[in-house]
C-alpha atoms as a PDB file:
ATOM      1  CA  MET A   1       0.000   0.000   0.000  1.00  0.00           C
ATOM      2  CA  SER A   2       1.366   3.390  -0.965  1.00  0.00           C
ATOM      3  CA  ASP A   3       2.062   5.786   1.887  1.00  0.00           C
ATOM      4  CA  ALA A   4       0.281   8.477  -0.132  1.00  0.00           C
ATOM      5  CA  TYR A   5      -2.982   6.559   0.169  1.00  0.00           C
ATOM      6  CA  ARG A   6      -2.609   5.033   3.631  1.00  0.00           C
ATOM      7  CA  GLU A   7      -4.649   7.822   5.244  1.00  0.00           C
ATOM      8  CA  LEU A   8      -7.379   7.468   2.622  1.00  0.00           C
ATOM      9  CA  ASP A   9      -7.496   3.705   3.163  1.00  0.00           C
ATOM     10  CA  THR A  10      -7.754   4.288   6.915  1.00  0.00           C
ATOM     11  CA  LEU A  11     -10.616   6.738   6.383  1.00  0.00           C
ATOM     12  CA  ILE A  12     -12.473   4.276   4.148  1.00  0.00           C
ATOM     13  CA  GLY A  13     -12.063   1.541   6.760  1.00  0.00           C
ATOM     14  CA  ALA A  14     -13.242   3.815   9.556  1.00  0.00           C
ATOM     15  CA  LEU A  15     -16.285   4.924   7.532  1.00  0.00           C
ATOM     16  CA  ARG A  16     -17.184   1.316   6.765  1.00  0.00           C
ATOM     17  CA  ASN A  17     -16.820   0.374  10.438  1.00  0.00           C
ATOM     18  CA  ALA A  18     -18.969   3.316  11.565  1.00  0.00           C
ATOM     19  CA  LEU A  19     -21.647   2.379   9.024  1.00  0.00           C
ATOM     20  CA  GLU A  20     -21.668  -1.260  10.136  1.00  0.00           C
ATOM     21  CA  GLN A  21     -22.143  -0.112  13.733  1.00  0.00           C
ATOM     22  CA  ASN A  22     -24.802   2.468  12.756  1.00  0.00           C
ATOM     23  CA  ASN A  23     -22.655   5.095  14.444  1.00  0.00           C
ATOM     24  CA  TRP A  24     -23.984   8.148  12.638  1.00  0.00           C
ATOM     25  CA  GLU A  25     -22.004  10.614  14.752  1.00  0.00           C
ATOM     26  CA  ALA A  26     -18.770   8.923  13.680  1.00  0.00           C
ATOM     27  CA  VAL A  27     -19.936   8.878  10.055  1.00  0.00           C
ATOM     28  CA  ALA A  28     -20.595  12.634  10.242  1.00  0.00           C
ATOM     29  CA  LYS A  29     -17.174  13.351  11.751  1.00  0.00           C
ATOM     30  CA  LEU A  30     -15.397  11.206   9.182  1.00  0.00           C
ATOM     31  CA  ASP A  31     -17.438  12.767   6.384  1.00  0.00           C
ATOM     32  CA  ALA A  32     -16.200  16.192   7.425  1.00  0.00           C
ATOM     33  CA  SER A  33     -12.589  15.116   6.886  1.00  0.00           C
ATOM     34  CA  THR A  34     -13.221  13.299   3.605  1.00  0.00           C
ATOM     35  CA  VAL A  35     -13.273  16.375   1.355  1.00  0.00           C
ATOM     36  CA  SER A  36      -9.957  17.772   2.573  1.00  0.00           C
ATOM     37  CA  LEU A  37      -8.277  14.373   2.428  1.00  0.00           C
ATOM     38  CA  VAL A  38      -9.479  13.701  -1.117  1.00  0.00           C
ATOM     39  CA  SER A  39      -8.413  17.226  -2.142  1.00  0.00           C
ATOM     40  CA  ASP A  40      -4.947  16.595  -0.768  1.00  0.00           C
ATOM     41  CA  ARG A  41      -4.718  13.364  -2.722  1.00  0.00           C
ATOM     42  CA  VAL A  42      -5.838  15.131  -5.920  1.00  0.00           C
ATOM     43  CA  LYS A  43      -2.964  17.584  -5.462  1.00  0.00           C
ATOM     44  CA  LEU A  44      -0.608  14.636  -5.069  1.00  0.00           C
ATOM     45  CA  LEU A  45      -2.033  13.098  -8.214  1.00  0.00           C
ATOM     46  CA  GLU A  46      -1.395  16.319 -10.131  1.00  0.00           C
ATOM     47  CA  LYS A  47       2.283  15.957  -9.196  1.00  0.00           C
ATOM     48  CA  GLY A  48       2.409  12.539 -10.831  1.00  0.00           C
ATOM     49  CA  GLY A  49       0.794  10.216  -8.314  1.00  0.00           C
ATOM     50  CA  ASP A  50      -0.695   6.777  -8.891  1.00  0.00           C
ATOM     51  CA  GLN A  51      -3.865   7.400 -10.921  1.00  0.00           C
ATOM     52  CA  ALA A  52      -5.046   3.786 -10.872  1.00  0.00           C
ATOM     53  CA  GLY A  53      -4.695   3.546  -7.090  1.00  0.00           C
ATOM     54  CA  PHE A  54      -6.521   6.821  -6.607  1.00  0.00           C
ATOM     55  CA  ARG A  55      -9.317   5.823  -8.973  1.00  0.00           C
ATOM     56  CA  GLU A  56      -9.713   2.516  -7.130  1.00  0.00           C
ATOM     57  CA  ARG A  57     -10.027   4.272  -3.781  1.00  0.00           C
ATOM     58  CA  LEU A  58     -12.451   6.865  -5.126  1.00  0.00           C
ATOM     59  CA  THR A  59     -14.628   4.101  -6.546  1.00  0.00           C
ATOM     60  CA  GLU A  60     -14.592   2.340  -3.186  1.00  0.00           C
ATOM     61  CA  LEU A  61     -15.377   5.607  -1.396  1.00  0.00           C
ATOM     62  CA  GLN A  62     -18.288   6.320  -3.767  1.00  0.00           C
ATOM     63  CA  SER A  63     -19.655   2.834  -3.215  1.00  0.00           C
ATOM     64  CA  LEU A  64     -19.397   3.335   0.530  1.00  0.00           C
ATOM     65  CA  TYR A  65     -21.205   6.675   0.335  1.00  0.00           C
ATOM     66  CA  ASP A  66     -23.938   4.981  -1.706  1.00  0.00           C
ATOM     67  CA  GLU A  67     -24.316   2.421   1.104  1.00  0.00           C
ATOM     68  CA  ILE A  68     -24.426   5.230   3.668  1.00  0.00           C
ATOM     69  CA  ALA A  69     -27.155   7.009   1.692  1.00  0.00           C
ATOM     70  CA  VAL A  70     -29.261   3.833   1.493  1.00  0.00           C
ATOM     71  CA  ALA A  71     -28.828   3.133   5.217  1.00  0.00           C
ATOM     72  CA  ASN A  72     -29.640   6.737   6.061  1.00  0.00           C
ATOM     73  CA  GLN A  73     -32.838   6.657   3.993  1.00  0.00           C
ATOM     74  CA  SER A  74     -33.844   3.387   5.622  1.00  0.00           C
ATOM     75  CA  ASN A  75     -33.317   4.866   9.092  1.00  0.00           C
ATOM     76  CA  ARG A  76     -35.300   7.959   8.138  1.00  0.00           C
ATOM     77  CA  ASN A  77     -38.169   5.794   6.898  1.00  0.00           C
ATOM     78  CA  GLU A  78     -38.182   3.787  10.133  1.00  0.00           C
ATOM     79  CA  LEU A  79     -38.198   6.968  12.231  1.00  0.00           C
ATOM     80  CA  SER A  80     -40.950   8.461  10.120  1.00  0.00           C
ATOM     81  CA  ALA A  81     -43.118   5.375  10.587  1.00  0.00           C
ATOM     82  CA  GLU A  82     -42.511   5.444  14.335  1.00  0.00           C
ATOM     83  CA  LEU A  83     -43.405   9.149  14.551  1.00  0.00           C
ATOM     84  CA  LYS A  84     -46.619   8.561  12.597  1.00  0.00           C
ATOM     85  CA  LYS A  85     -47.513   5.726  14.944  1.00  0.00           C
ATOM     86  CA  LEU A  86     -46.852   7.897  17.999  1.00  0.00           C
ATOM     87  CA  HIS A  87     -48.905  10.733  16.544  1.00  0.00           C
ATOM     88  CA  LYS A  88     -51.816   8.387  15.854  1.00  0.00           C
ATOM     89  CA  GLU A  89     -51.639   7.024  19.408  1.00  0.00           C
ATOM     90  CA  HIS A  90     -51.489  10.561  20.807  1.00  0.00           C
ATOM     91  CA  LYS A  91     -54.617  11.518  18.848  1.00  0.00           C
ATOM     92  CA  ALA A  92     -56.429   8.401  20.108  1.00  0.00           C
ATOM     93  CA  ILE A  93     -55.505   9.200  23.710  1.00  0.00           C
ATOM     94  CA  SER A  94     -56.612  12.805  23.276  1.00  0.00           C
ATOM     95  CA  GLN A  95     -59.957  11.694  21.868  1.00  0.00           C
ATOM     96  CA  TYR A  96     -60.430   9.255  24.752  1.00  0.00           C
ATOM     97  CA  LEU A  97     -59.653  11.938  27.318  1.00  0.00           C
ATOM     98  CA  LYS A  98     -62.060  14.382  25.667  1.00  0.00           C
ATOM     99  CA  SER A  99     -64.858  11.839  25.521  1.00  0.00           C
ATOM    100  CA  SER A 100     -64.335  10.638  29.085  1.00  0.00           C
ATOM    101  CA  GLY A 101     -64.358  14.137  30.533  1.00  0.00           C
ATOM    102  CA  TYR A 102     -60.782  14.347  31.777  1.00  0.00           C
END
């Protein structure tokens, strides 16, 4: 593994681990550092770095971000369903209290 890409490989591994653990705070923190790290590697590439290695890592990173987006949407859908359920239950309780005179 090239030293130039070691940090990027570490970031990809950490993102994958955070996703597998559903640790969204860690994903957000790692996401914040992704742009600067990729930018640094682009500058290295412009100085004659390993294009194939960089392309491979970018493809892996894109695939990982696709997985993160799918997992995020799934979590949002689950939360939305739970909120709708709670709202429905709250309305039922309110109606009961109104009709019972409380």
